[in-house]
Protein backbone atom coordinates (compact mmCIF):
# COMPACT_ATOMS: atom_id res chain seq x y z
CA UNK A 1 -92.56 33.93 -82.24
CA UNK A 2 -89.89 37.17 -81.77
CA UNK A 3 -87.09 37.22 -83.75
CA UNK A 4 -83.39 36.92 -82.19
CA UNK A 5 -83.01 40.48 -84.14
CA UNK A 6 -86.21 41.85 -82.82
CA UNK A 7 -85.03 40.95 -79.01
CA UNK A 8 -81.46 42.39 -79.71
CA UNK A 9 -82.53 45.74 -81.15
CA UNK A 10 -85.10 45.77 -78.08
CA UNK A 11 -82.30 44.84 -75.56
CA UNK A 12 -80.08 47.77 -77.12
CA UNK A 13 -83.09 50.43 -76.83
CA UNK A 14 -83.22 49.83 -73.04
CA UNK A 15 -79.37 50.00 -72.59
CA UNK A 16 -79.86 53.29 -74.38
CA UNK A 17 -82.33 54.59 -72.39
CA UNK A 18 -80.49 53.31 -68.60
CA UNK A 19 -77.60 55.40 -70.32
CA UNK A 20 -78.88 58.80 -71.30
CA UNK A 21 -80.83 59.64 -68.27
CA UNK A 22 -82.18 63.01 -68.06
CA UNK A 23 -81.41 64.90 -64.87
CA UNK A 24 -84.27 65.63 -62.71
CA UNK A 25 -84.22 69.61 -64.04
CA UNK A 26 -83.99 68.49 -67.20
CA UNK A 27 -82.12 70.96 -69.87
CA UNK A 28 -81.75 74.57 -67.80
CA UNK A 29 -78.28 74.18 -67.63
CA UNK A 30 -77.60 73.67 -71.09
CA UNK A 31 -76.28 70.04 -71.45
CA UNK A 32 -72.74 70.78 -72.21
CA UNK A 33 -70.08 70.48 -69.88
CA UNK A 34 -68.42 73.20 -69.04
CA UNK A 35 -64.61 73.52 -71.13
CA UNK A 36 -61.41 74.01 -68.65
CA UNK A 37 -59.41 75.64 -71.50
CA UNK A 38 -60.19 76.82 -74.85
CA UNK A 39 -57.91 76.37 -77.95
CA UNK A 40 -56.14 79.40 -79.91
CA UNK A 41 -54.14 79.40 -82.86
CA UNK A 42 -52.75 75.85 -81.80
CA UNK A 43 -52.25 76.62 -78.15
CA UNK A 44 -53.92 75.85 -75.37
CA UNK A 45 -54.71 78.68 -72.76
CA UNK A 46 -56.30 77.85 -69.06
CA UNK A 47 -59.53 79.75 -68.32
CA UNK A 48 -58.41 79.46 -64.63
CA UNK A 49 -60.95 80.23 -62.11
CA UNK A 50 -63.63 80.92 -64.68
CA UNK A 51 -64.63 77.97 -65.77
CA UNK A 52 -65.56 77.65 -61.20
CA UNK A 53 -67.10 80.88 -61.50
CA UNK A 54 -69.32 79.50 -64.16
CA UNK A 55 -69.85 76.42 -62.74
CA UNK A 56 -70.88 78.69 -59.79
CA UNK A 57 -73.70 80.16 -61.86
CA UNK A 58 -74.94 76.78 -63.26
CA UNK A 59 -75.47 76.00 -59.68
CA UNK A 60 -77.18 79.02 -58.63
CA UNK A 61 -79.55 78.47 -61.61
CA UNK A 62 -80.21 75.19 -60.29
CA UNK A 63 -80.87 77.00 -56.51
CA UNK A 64 -83.31 79.50 -58.09
CA UNK A 65 -85.13 76.33 -59.97
CA UNK A 66 -85.68 74.74 -56.95
CA UNK A 67 -86.64 77.46 -54.99
CA UNK A 68 -84.60 77.36 -52.30
CA UNK A 69 -83.97 80.63 -49.81
CA UNK A 70 -80.71 82.35 -49.21
CA UNK A 71 -78.07 84.87 -49.87
CA UNK A 72 -74.82 83.18 -51.31
CA UNK A 73 -72.00 85.28 -51.89
CA UNK A 74 -70.40 85.21 -55.27
CA UNK A 75 -67.90 82.28 -55.91
CA UNK A 76 -64.70 82.59 -52.93
CA UNK A 77 -61.88 83.91 -53.55
CA UNK A 78 -59.62 82.01 -51.50
CA UNK A 79 -58.15 83.79 -48.33
CA UNK A 80 -60.46 86.87 -48.62
CA UNK A 81 -63.96 85.71 -48.56
CA UNK A 82 -65.05 83.63 -45.37
CA UNK A 83 -66.41 80.14 -47.19
CA UNK A 84 -67.85 77.79 -44.51
CA UNK A 85 -70.51 77.12 -47.00
CA UNK A 86 -68.05 76.33 -49.04
CA UNK A 87 -68.31 72.32 -47.78
CA UNK A 88 -72.02 71.97 -48.13
CA UNK A 89 -71.72 73.75 -51.43
CA UNK A 90 -69.01 71.04 -52.75
CA UNK A 91 -71.18 67.97 -51.92
CA UNK A 92 -74.01 69.70 -53.53
CA UNK A 93 -71.87 70.31 -56.30
CA UNK A 94 -70.64 66.73 -56.22
CA UNK A 95 -74.08 65.22 -56.34
CA UNK A 96 -75.21 67.31 -59.03
CA UNK A 97 -72.25 66.69 -61.49
CA UNK A 98 -72.80 62.78 -61.28
CA UNK A 99 -76.86 63.61 -62.13
CA UNK A 100 -75.88 66.14 -65.15
CA UNK A 101 -72.79 66.56 -67.48
CA UNK A 102 -73.20 70.17 -67.73
CA UNK A 103 -71.70 70.67 -64.37
CA UNK A 104 -68.62 69.22 -65.19
CA UNK A 105 -65.38 71.26 -66.32
CA UNK A 106 -63.77 69.26 -68.94
CA UNK A 107 -60.54 69.32 -70.72
CA UNK A 108 -61.19 69.92 -74.61
CA UNK A 109 -59.87 67.99 -77.26
CA UNK A 110 -57.00 69.38 -80.08
CA UNK A 111 -59.13 71.19 -82.44
CA UNK A 112 -58.89 68.66 -85.77
CA UNK A 113 -60.38 69.50 -88.81
CA UNK A 114 -58.98 73.55 -90.11
CA UNK A 115 -63.44 74.39 -91.32
CA UNK A 116 -64.34 74.15 -87.91
CA UNK A 117 -61.74 76.58 -86.32
CA UNK A 118 -62.74 79.53 -88.36
CA UNK A 119 -66.56 79.40 -87.36
CA UNK A 120 -65.10 79.66 -83.67
CA UNK A 121 -62.59 81.91 -82.27
CA UNK A 122 -60.29 81.75 -84.38
CA UNK A 123 -62.32 82.93 -87.48
CA UNK A 124 -63.76 85.65 -85.27
CA UNK A 125 -60.06 87.10 -84.26
CA UNK A 126 -58.89 86.83 -88.03
CA UNK A 127 -62.33 88.69 -89.49
CA UNK A 128 -61.75 91.56 -86.46
CA UNK A 129 -57.82 92.05 -87.77
CA UNK A 130 -58.39 91.55 -90.99
CA UNK A 131 -61.41 94.46 -90.89
CA UNK A 132 -58.83 96.81 -88.95
CA UNK A 133 -55.97 96.29 -91.61
CA UNK A 134 -58.73 97.70 -94.16
CA UNK A 135 -60.44 100.17 -92.37
CA UNK A 136 -56.42 101.80 -91.96
CA UNK A 137 -56.38 101.34 -95.68
CA UNK A 138 -59.83 101.32 -97.55
CA UNK A 139 -58.75 101.69 -100.41
CA UNK A 140 -56.90 98.32 -100.78
CA UNK A 141 -58.19 95.27 -101.41
CA UNK A 142 -59.47 92.69 -98.90
CA UNK A 143 -56.59 90.12 -100.67
CA UNK A 144 -54.08 92.93 -99.48
CA UNK A 145 -55.16 93.13 -96.31
CA UNK A 146 -55.43 89.56 -95.61
CA UNK A 147 -51.58 89.41 -96.89
CA UNK A 148 -50.35 91.80 -94.56
CA UNK A 149 -52.46 90.12 -91.66
CA UNK A 150 -50.38 87.00 -92.62
CA UNK A 151 -47.37 88.80 -92.25
CA UNK A 152 -48.39 90.60 -88.83
CA UNK A 153 -49.54 87.09 -87.52
CA UNK A 154 -46.90 84.47 -87.86
CA UNK A 155 -49.67 81.54 -86.87
CA UNK A 156 -50.72 82.27 -90.47
CA UNK A 157 -47.79 82.02 -92.15
CA UNK A 158 -47.66 78.62 -92.75
CA UNK A 159 -50.86 78.36 -94.33
CA UNK A 160 -50.74 79.41 -98.32
CA UNK A 161 -52.64 83.15 -99.08
CA UNK A 162 -55.17 81.71 -101.23
CA UNK A 163 -56.15 78.93 -98.75
CA UNK A 164 -56.68 81.69 -96.40
CA UNK A 165 -58.26 83.92 -98.18
CA UNK A 166 -60.96 80.68 -98.42
CA UNK A 167 -61.08 80.57 -94.69
CA UNK A 168 -61.29 83.74 -94.72
CA UNK A 169 -64.57 84.28 -96.76
CA UNK A 170 -66.05 81.26 -95.51
CA UNK A 171 -65.11 82.80 -91.30
CA UNK A 172 -67.00 85.74 -92.33
CA UNK A 173 -70.23 84.06 -93.82
CA UNK A 174 -70.61 81.54 -90.75
CA UNK A 175 -69.84 84.56 -88.35
CA UNK A 176 -72.29 86.84 -90.92
CA UNK A 177 -75.32 83.82 -90.76
CA UNK A 178 -75.00 83.05 -87.33
CA UNK A 179 -77.54 84.76 -84.62
CA UNK A 180 -75.03 84.94 -81.17
CA UNK A 181 -73.67 87.30 -78.87
CA UNK A 182 -70.53 88.92 -80.18
CA UNK A 183 -68.41 90.75 -77.20
């Protein structure tokens, strides 16, 4: 005799397996959707055609995975490059994006917490600018450089200096420990 709880657990596990089917090509595309915009200093910056170019690059990776031969030019700029292959590309993209979320372009949610912001683009920008100020005034303490940075950047004017210093060191610790390619 099987308990009701056991049956419910099996049904839940089957539903999860059905819902999370992996694409036939595995995880070669990264698994995460492409952001259509990024948040920087509480302002939304639209990526425009860059997201489409990244999507095109992922489709080329998929083309290589399946061993499809043939030359494909770069992503077409309307009116500049003849794009007679574009309808077939859009059909293939629609089919592939139904199977894999990493080909979809999404609109990212507004950043919520303060701490994760400093681990991303905003922290990297702050580190770069504070280091440039410190290079210009090497005998000044870092706290003075952060205060000068706060006066120059009105986005940070609302935050108290002590909190901004804590965020600076948190961003510095995170970016020093993270192994990723920086531009």
